[in-house]
């Protein structure tokens, strides 16, 4: 009887061992599944972090467009500024610089539309107002030209570099409009302002003057650089 019990116990033990052995592959598979899942998850997170770190934003497009414009790669500049505007519809500087690219391509209506948009977004922007005023002057619309140039003069008091350009533009238009006395007063004011601006301050300005026409530097458009 005792022998029979021992045999039964051995059989039961063998079955238990067999069941445990059957479980082992499943447990190992489950372990590796978890490892693979965690590795994949970590990879997804890492890719997300890297993509976020290298994300291209409106400022990047604006800077690229400005460089293209300085290199006279006008179509590429327009595309880059358009991408910046697509990302940030209120990007005043992008409208201003895209308008310059359109102007240099001879697309004056598109240039005017962009300058008008820039001014509508930032009514006190001295650069956009001055550029728009000069564009109206070029069309022979002195009344609108003076409107925007005078506004630019009022708005540029805190920035000497901008103001110097604006005063010269305004004086030039006064002169062409037959307002000699006003032109003379502004020329004198611009000369005094120029003396007060040292070379270091001007070199740190955030804009550069671009000739409005290739024949003359009497009036200029201003290219806005990044901060």
C-alpha atoms as a PDB file:
ATOM      1  CA  UNK A   1       0.000   0.000   0.000  1.00  0.00           C
ATOM      2  CA  UNK A   2       2.765   2.383   0.988  1.00  0.00           C
ATOM      3  CA  UNK A   3       4.571   1.535  -2.219  1.00  0.00           C
ATOM      4  CA  UNK A   4       1.475   2.381  -4.246  1.00  0.00           C
ATOM      5  CA  UNK A   5       1.195   5.760  -2.521  1.00  0.00           C
ATOM      6  CA  UNK A   6       4.820   6.518  -3.309  1.00  0.00           C
ATOM      7  CA  UNK A   7       4.262   5.648  -6.940  1.00  0.00           C
ATOM      8  CA  UNK A   8       1.225   7.924  -7.104  1.00  0.00           C
ATOM      9  CA  UNK A   9       3.201  10.704  -5.467  1.00  0.00           C
ATOM     10  CA  UNK A  10       6.009  10.298  -8.007  1.00  0.00           C
ATOM     11  CA  UNK A  11       3.548  10.379 -10.876  1.00  0.00           C
ATOM     12  CA  UNK A  12       1.931  13.538  -9.492  1.00  0.00           C
ATOM     13  CA  UNK A  13       5.324  15.128  -9.086  1.00  0.00           C
ATOM     14  CA  UNK A  14       6.336  14.279 -12.619  1.00  0.00           C
ATOM     15  CA  UNK A  15       3.126  15.808 -13.970  1.00  0.00           C
ATOM     16  CA  UNK A  16       3.769  18.968 -11.965  1.00  0.00           C
ATOM     17  CA  UNK A  17       7.351  19.181 -13.278  1.00  0.00           C
ATOM     18  CA  UNK A  18       6.101  18.637 -16.804  1.00  0.00           C
ATOM     19  CA  UNK A  19       3.547  21.428 -16.420  1.00  0.00           C
ATOM     20  CA  UNK A  20       6.210  23.763 -15.075  1.00  0.00           C
ATOM     21  CA  UNK A  21       8.460  22.987 -18.039  1.00  0.00           C
ATOM     22  CA  UNK A  22       5.588  23.717 -20.412  1.00  0.00           C
ATOM     23  CA  UNK A  23       5.070  27.092 -18.734  1.00  0.00           C
ATOM     24  CA  UNK A  24       8.723  28.087 -19.016  1.00  0.00           C
ATOM     25  CA  UNK A  25       8.724  28.783 -22.800  1.00  0.00           C
ATOM     26  CA  UNK A  26       5.531  30.796 -22.446  1.00  0.00           C
ATOM     27  CA  UNK A  27       7.056  32.813 -19.601  1.00  0.00           C
ATOM     28  CA  UNK A  28      10.221  33.378 -21.605  1.00  0.00           C
ATOM     29  CA  UNK A  29       8.207  34.477 -24.623  1.00  0.00           C
ATOM     30  CA  UNK A  30       6.209  36.884 -22.445  1.00  0.00           C
ATOM     31  CA  UNK A  31       9.419  38.295 -21.017  1.00  0.00           C
ATOM     32  CA  UNK A  32      10.890  38.946 -24.458  1.00  0.00           C
ATOM     33  CA  UNK A  33       7.621  40.419 -25.709  1.00  0.00           C
ATOM     34  CA  UNK A  34       7.773  42.924 -22.854  1.00  0.00           C
ATOM     35  CA  UNK A  35      11.412  43.738 -23.630  1.00  0.00           C
ATOM     36  CA  UNK A  36      10.673  44.276 -27.316  1.00  0.00           C
ATOM     37  CA  UNK A  37       7.668  46.454 -26.469  1.00  0.00           C
ATOM     38  CA  UNK A  38       9.736  48.631 -24.137  1.00  0.00           C
ATOM     39  CA  UNK A  39      12.514  49.002 -26.728  1.00  0.00           C
ATOM     40  CA  UNK A  40      10.020  50.029 -29.417  1.00  0.00           C
ATOM     41  CA  UNK A  41       8.336  52.451 -27.032  1.00  0.00           C
ATOM     42  CA  UNK A  42      11.679  54.016 -26.112  1.00  0.00           C
ATOM     43  CA  UNK A  43      12.498  54.388 -29.815  1.00  0.00           C
ATOM     44  CA  UNK A  44       9.206  56.140 -30.510  1.00  0.00           C
ATOM     45  CA  UNK A  45       9.766  58.534 -27.612  1.00  0.00           C
ATOM     46  CA  UNK A  46      13.346  59.238 -28.743  1.00  0.00           C
ATOM     47  CA  UNK A  47      12.241  59.956 -32.318  1.00  0.00           C
ATOM     48  CA  UNK A  48       9.579  62.317 -30.978  1.00  0.00           C
ATOM     49  CA  UNK A  49      12.122  64.177 -28.864  1.00  0.00           C
ATOM     50  CA  UNK A  50      14.563  64.480 -31.783  1.00  0.00           C
ATOM     51  CA  UNK A  51      11.824  65.668 -34.133  1.00  0.00           C
ATOM     52  CA  UNK A  52      10.756  68.259 -31.598  1.00  0.00           C
ATOM     53  CA  UNK A  53      14.333  69.450 -31.121  1.00  0.00           C
ATOM     54  CA  UNK A  54      14.795  69.884 -34.877  1.00  0.00           C
ATOM     55  CA  UNK A  55      11.340  71.284 -35.641  1.00  0.00           C
ATOM     56  CA  UNK A  56      11.387  74.106 -38.185  1.00  0.00           C
ATOM     57  CA  UNK A  57       9.366  77.141 -37.168  1.00  0.00           C
ATOM     58  CA  UNK A  58       8.351  80.467 -38.720  1.00  0.00           C
ATOM     59  CA  UNK A  59      11.517  82.212 -37.526  1.00  0.00           C
ATOM     60  CA  UNK A  60      13.666  79.632 -39.325  1.00  0.00           C
ATOM     61  CA  UNK A  61      11.724  80.194 -42.550  1.00  0.00           C
ATOM     62  CA  UNK A  62      12.024  83.963 -42.088  1.00  0.00           C
ATOM     63  CA  UNK A  63      15.785  83.802 -41.616  1.00  0.00           C
ATOM     64  CA  UNK A  64      16.184  81.564 -44.653  1.00  0.00           C
ATOM     65  CA  UNK A  65      14.040  83.923 -46.729  1.00  0.00           C
ATOM     66  CA  UNK A  66      16.063  86.933 -45.635  1.00  0.00           C
ATOM     67  CA  UNK A  67      19.311  85.222 -46.609  1.00  0.00           C
ATOM     68  CA  UNK A  68      17.832  84.279 -49.984  1.00  0.00           C
ATOM     69  CA  UNK A  69      16.724  87.873 -50.493  1.00  0.00           C
ATOM     70  CA  UNK A  70      20.179  89.194 -49.684  1.00  0.00           C
ATOM     71  CA  UNK A  71      21.576  86.731 -52.241  1.00  0.00           C
ATOM     72  CA  UNK A  72      18.941  87.875 -54.782  1.00  0.00           C
ATOM     73  CA  UNK A  73      17.415  84.389 -54.913  1.00  0.00           C
ATOM     74  CA  UNK A  74      14.007  85.985 -55.088  1.00  0.00           C
ATOM     75  CA  UNK A  75      11.709  83.043 -55.802  1.00  0.00           C
ATOM     76  CA  UNK A  76      13.269  81.017 -53.002  1.00  0.00           C
ATOM     77  CA  UNK A  77      12.938  84.033 -50.710  1.00  0.00           C
ATOM     78  CA  UNK A  78       9.235  84.362 -51.507  1.00  0.00           C
ATOM     79  CA  UNK A  79       8.675  80.668 -50.863  1.00  0.00           C
ATOM     80  CA  UNK A  80      10.447  80.840 -47.499  1.00  0.00           C
ATOM     81  CA  UNK A  81       8.562  83.973 -46.395  1.00  0.00           C
ATOM     82  CA  UNK A  82       5.293  82.366 -47.489  1.00  0.00           C
ATOM     83  CA  UNK A  83       6.069  79.351 -45.294  1.00  0.00           C
ATOM     84  CA  UNK A  84       6.796  81.684 -42.368  1.00  0.00           C
ATOM     85  CA  UNK A  85       3.481  83.460 -42.921  1.00  0.00           C
ATOM     86  CA  UNK A  86       1.701  80.107 -43.243  1.00  0.00           C
ATOM     87  CA  UNK A  87       3.020  79.170 -39.808  1.00  0.00           C
ATOM     88  CA  UNK A  88       2.413  82.609 -38.284  1.00  0.00           C
ATOM     89  CA  UNK A  89      -0.148  84.744 -40.093  1.00  0.00           C
ATOM     90  CA  UNK A  90       0.764  87.882 -38.109  1.00  0.00           C
ATOM     91  CA  UNK A  91       4.476  87.848 -39.034  1.00  0.00           C
ATOM     92  CA  UNK A  92       4.901  91.540 -39.945  1.00  0.00           C
ATOM     93  CA  UNK A  93       8.590  91.300 -40.875  1.00  0.00           C
ATOM     94  CA  UNK A  94       7.905  88.368 -43.216  1.00  0.00           C
ATOM     95  CA  UNK A  95       5.273  90.411 -45.075  1.00  0.00           C
ATOM     96  CA  UNK A  96       7.692  93.350 -45.299  1.00  0.00           C
ATOM     97  CA  UNK A  97      10.538  91.272 -46.688  1.00  0.00           C
ATOM     98  CA  UNK A  98       8.337  89.270 -49.050  1.00  0.00           C
ATOM     99  CA  UNK A  99       7.066  92.586 -50.417  1.00  0.00           C
ATOM    100  CA  UNK A 100      10.671  93.560 -51.189  1.00  0.00           C
ATOM    101  CA  UNK A 101      11.173  90.313 -53.096  1.00  0.00           C
ATOM    102  CA  UNK A 102       7.977  90.915 -55.073  1.00  0.00           C
ATOM    103  CA  UNK A 103       9.080  94.482 -55.789  1.00  0.00           C
ATOM    104  CA  UNK A 104      12.426  93.384 -57.165  1.00  0.00           C
ATOM    105  CA  UNK A 105      10.597  90.941 -59.435  1.00  0.00           C
ATOM    106  CA  UNK A 106       8.510  93.842 -60.722  1.00  0.00           C
ATOM    107  CA  UNK A 107       5.309  92.547 -59.089  1.00  0.00           C
ATOM    108  CA  UNK A 108       4.415  95.882 -57.514  1.00  0.00           C
ATOM    109  CA  UNK A 109       0.778  95.084 -56.716  1.00  0.00           C
ATOM    110  CA  UNK A 110       1.775  92.024 -54.717  1.00  0.00           C
ATOM    111  CA  UNK A 111       4.444  94.107 -52.999  1.00  0.00           C
ATOM    112  CA  UNK A 112       1.901  96.763 -52.115  1.00  0.00           C
ATOM    113  CA  UNK A 113      -0.539  94.162 -50.779  1.00  0.00           C
ATOM    114  CA  UNK A 114       2.142  92.752 -48.479  1.00  0.00           C
ATOM    115  CA  UNK A 115       3.204  96.196 -47.239  1.00  0.00           C
ATOM    116  CA  UNK A 116      -0.456  97.065 -46.586  1.00  0.00           C
ATOM    117  CA  UNK A 117      -0.903  93.811 -44.658  1.00  0.00           C
ATOM    118  CA  UNK A 118       2.209  94.558 -42.585  1.00  0.00           C
ATOM    119  CA  UNK A 119       0.890  98.034 -41.753  1.00  0.00           C
ATOM    120  CA  UNK A 120      -2.563  96.692 -40.887  1.00  0.00           C
ATOM    121  CA  UNK A 121      -0.986  94.190 -38.483  1.00  0.00           C
ATOM    122  CA  UNK A 122       1.352  96.773 -36.932  1.00  0.00           C
ATOM    123  CA  UNK A 123       0.117 100.317 -37.697  1.00  0.00           C
ATOM    124  CA  UNK A 124       3.102 101.924 -35.950  1.00  0.00           C
ATOM    125  CA  UNK A 125       5.781  99.877 -37.704  1.00  0.00           C
ATOM    126  CA  UNK A 126       8.232 102.477 -39.085  1.00  0.00           C
ATOM    127  CA  UNK A 127       9.880 100.135 -41.595  1.00  0.00           C
ATOM    128  CA  UNK A 128       6.673  98.923 -43.255  1.00  0.00           C
ATOM    129  CA  UNK A 129       5.165 102.434 -43.257  1.00  0.00           C
ATOM    130  CA  UNK A 130       8.276 103.935 -44.846  1.00  0.00           C
ATOM    131  CA  UNK A 131       8.499 101.198 -47.466  1.00  0.00           C
ATOM    132  CA  UNK A 132       4.813 101.552 -48.322  1.00  0.00           C
ATOM    133  CA  UNK A 133       5.189 105.324 -48.582  1.00  0.00           C
ATOM    134  CA  UNK A 134       8.067 104.976 -51.031  1.00  0.00           C
ATOM    135  CA  UNK A 135       6.080 102.486 -53.098  1.00  0.00           C
ATOM    136  CA  UNK A 136       3.194 104.966 -53.370  1.00  0.00           C
ATOM    137  CA  UNK A 137       5.707 107.675 -54.305  1.00  0.00           C
ATOM    138  CA  UNK A 138       7.041 105.491 -57.102  1.00  0.00           C
ATOM    139  CA  UNK A 139       3.467 105.213 -58.405  1.00  0.00           C
ATOM    140  CA  UNK A 140       3.158 109.009 -58.386  1.00  0.00           C
ATOM    141  CA  UNK A 141       0.677 108.999 -55.499  1.00  0.00           C
ATOM    142  CA  UNK A 142       2.329 111.707 -53.376  1.00  0.00           C
ATOM    143  CA  UNK A 143      -0.606 112.125 -51.009  1.00  0.00           C
ATOM    144  CA  UNK A 144      -0.533 108.471 -49.916  1.00  0.00           C
ATOM    145  CA  UNK A 145       3.259 108.491 -49.938  1.00  0.00           C
ATOM    146  CA  UNK A 146       3.395 111.413 -47.499  1.00  0.00           C
ATOM    147  CA  UNK A 147       0.683 109.867 -45.332  1.00  0.00           C
ATOM    148  CA  UNK A 148       2.716 106.729 -44.663  1.00  0.00           C
ATOM    149  CA  UNK A 149       6.119 108.415 -44.555  1.00  0.00           C
ATOM    150  CA  UNK A 150       4.937 110.989 -42.020  1.00  0.00           C
ATOM    151  CA  UNK A 151       3.484 108.150 -39.965  1.00  0.00           C
ATOM    152  CA  UNK A 152       6.824 106.345 -40.173  1.00  0.00           C
ATOM    153  CA  UNK A 153       8.620 109.503 -39.006  1.00  0.00           C
ATOM    154  CA  UNK A 154       6.372 109.733 -35.944  1.00  0.00           C
ATOM    155  CA  UNK A 155       6.797 106.036 -35.174  1.00  0.00           C
ATOM    156  CA  UNK A 156      10.586 105.923 -35.547  1.00  0.00           C
ATOM    157  CA  UNK A 157      11.620 108.391 -32.844  1.00  0.00           C
ATOM    158  CA  UNK A 158      12.964 105.656 -30.577  1.00  0.00           C
ATOM    159  CA  UNK A 159      15.230 104.121 -33.227  1.00  0.00           C
ATOM    160  CA  UNK A 160      17.826 106.467 -34.670  1.00  0.00           C
ATOM    161  CA  UNK A 161      18.936 104.169 -37.492  1.00  0.00           C
ATOM    162  CA  UNK A 162      15.400 103.688 -38.772  1.00  0.00           C
ATOM    163  CA  UNK A 163      14.599 107.339 -38.260  1.00  0.00           C
ATOM    164  CA  UNK A 164      17.536 108.496 -40.356  1.00  0.00           C
ATOM    165  CA  UNK A 165      16.275 106.444 -43.308  1.00  0.00           C
ATOM    166  CA  UNK A 166      12.700 107.635 -42.807  1.00  0.00           C
ATOM    167  CA  UNK A 167      13.701 111.309 -42.623  1.00  0.00           C
ATOM    168  CA  UNK A 168      15.704 111.033 -45.816  1.00  0.00           C
ATOM    169  CA  UNK A 169      12.838 109.293 -47.583  1.00  0.00           C
ATOM    170  CA  UNK A 170      10.356 111.894 -46.385  1.00  0.00           C
ATOM    171  CA  UNK A 171      12.638 114.793 -47.330  1.00  0.00           C
ATOM    172  CA  UNK A 172      13.083 113.297 -50.785  1.00  0.00           C
ATOM    173  CA  UNK A 173       9.311 113.057 -51.329  1.00  0.00           C
ATOM    174  CA  UNK A 174       8.725 116.585 -49.957  1.00  0.00           C
ATOM    175  CA  UNK A 175      11.298 117.819 -52.455  1.00  0.00           C
ATOM    176  CA  UNK A 176       9.656 116.021 -55.375  1.00  0.00           C
ATOM    177  CA  UNK A 177       6.228 117.236 -54.247  1.00  0.00           C
ATOM    178  CA  UNK A 178       7.405 120.858 -54.356  1.00  0.00           C
ATOM    179  CA  UNK A 179       7.544 121.322 -50.569  1.00  0.00           C
ATOM    180  CA  UNK A 180      11.083 122.721 -50.518  1.00  0.00           C
ATOM    181  CA  UNK A 181      10.932 124.282 -47.039  1.00  0.00           C
ATOM    182  CA  UNK A 182       9.811 121.041 -45.381  1.00  0.00           C
ATOM    183  CA  UNK A 183      12.401 119.098 -47.334  1.00  0.00           C
ATOM    184  CA  UNK A 184      15.178 121.472 -46.242  1.00  0.00           C
ATOM    185  CA  UNK A 185      14.171 121.231 -42.571  1.00  0.00           C
ATOM    186  CA  UNK A 186      14.196 117.432 -42.685  1.00  0.00           C
ATOM    187  CA  UNK A 187      17.540 117.306 -44.476  1.00  0.00           C
ATOM    188  CA  UNK A 188      19.033 119.413 -41.682  1.00  0.00           C
ATOM    189  CA  UNK A 189      17.410 117.207 -39.030  1.00  0.00           C
ATOM    190  CA  UNK A 190      18.731 114.085 -40.755  1.00  0.00           C
ATOM    191  CA  UNK A 191      22.250 115.548 -40.932  1.00  0.00           C
ATOM    192  CA  UNK A 192      22.205 116.329 -37.200  1.00  0.00           C
ATOM    193  CA  UNK A 193      20.856 112.874 -36.426  1.00  0.00           C
ATOM    194  CA  UNK A 194      23.554 111.220 -38.507  1.00  0.00           C
ATOM    195  CA  UNK A 195      26.262 112.986 -36.498  1.00  0.00           C
ATOM    196  CA  UNK A 196      24.748 111.665 -33.274  1.00  0.00           C
ATOM    197  CA  UNK A 197      24.828 108.065 -34.476  1.00  0.00           C
ATOM    198  CA  UNK A 198      28.179 106.389 -33.943  1.00  0.00           C
ATOM    199  CA  UNK A 199      29.365 103.610 -36.234  1.00  0.00           C
ATOM    200  CA  UNK A 200      28.948 100.961 -33.548  1.00  0.00           C
ATOM    201  CA  UNK A 201      25.286 101.681 -33.016  1.00  0.00           C
ATOM    202  CA  UNK A 202      24.536 101.671 -36.709  1.00  0.00           C
ATOM    203  CA  UNK A 203      26.338  98.375 -37.255  1.00  0.00           C
ATOM    204  CA  UNK A 204      24.137  96.760 -34.622  1.00  0.00           C
ATOM    205  CA  UNK A 205      20.928  97.830 -36.326  1.00  0.00           C
ATOM    206  CA  UNK A 206      18.395  95.188 -37.195  1.00  0.00           C
ATOM    207  CA  UNK A 207      17.783  96.345 -40.735  1.00  0.00           C
ATOM    208  CA  UNK A 208      19.748  97.110 -43.849  1.00  0.00           C
ATOM    209  CA  UNK A 209      19.025  99.697 -46.479  1.00  0.00           C
ATOM    210  CA  UNK A 210      18.398  98.475 -49.986  1.00  0.00           C
ATOM    211  CA  UNK A 211      18.421 100.879 -52.946  1.00  0.00           C
ATOM    212  CA  UNK A 212      14.865 101.409 -54.102  1.00  0.00           C
ATOM    213  CA  UNK A 213      16.133 101.794 -57.663  1.00  0.00           C
ATOM    214  CA  UNK A 214      19.450 100.745 -59.119  1.00  0.00           C
ATOM    215  CA  UNK A 215      20.062 104.275 -60.420  1.00  0.00           C
ATOM    216  CA  UNK A 216      19.654 106.247 -57.212  1.00  0.00           C
ATOM    217  CA  UNK A 217      20.146 106.019 -53.474  1.00  0.00           C
ATOM    218  CA  UNK A 218      18.095 109.133 -52.714  1.00  0.00           C
ATOM    219  CA  UNK A 219      15.345 106.977 -51.286  1.00  0.00           C
ATOM    220  CA  UNK A 220      15.521 103.455 -49.934  1.00  0.00           C
ATOM    221  CA  UNK A 221      13.528 100.449 -48.920  1.00  0.00           C
ATOM    222  CA  UNK A 222      14.463  98.733 -45.673  1.00  0.00           C
ATOM    223  CA  UNK A 223      15.040  95.011 -45.309  1.00  0.00           C
ATOM    224  CA  UNK A 224      14.121  93.820 -41.811  1.00  0.00           C
ATOM    225  CA  UNK A 225      16.582  91.374 -40.306  1.00  0.00           C
ATOM    226  CA  UNK A 226      15.880  88.969 -37.465  1.00  0.00           C
ATOM    227  CA  UNK A 227      16.256  89.869 -33.803  1.00  0.00           C
END
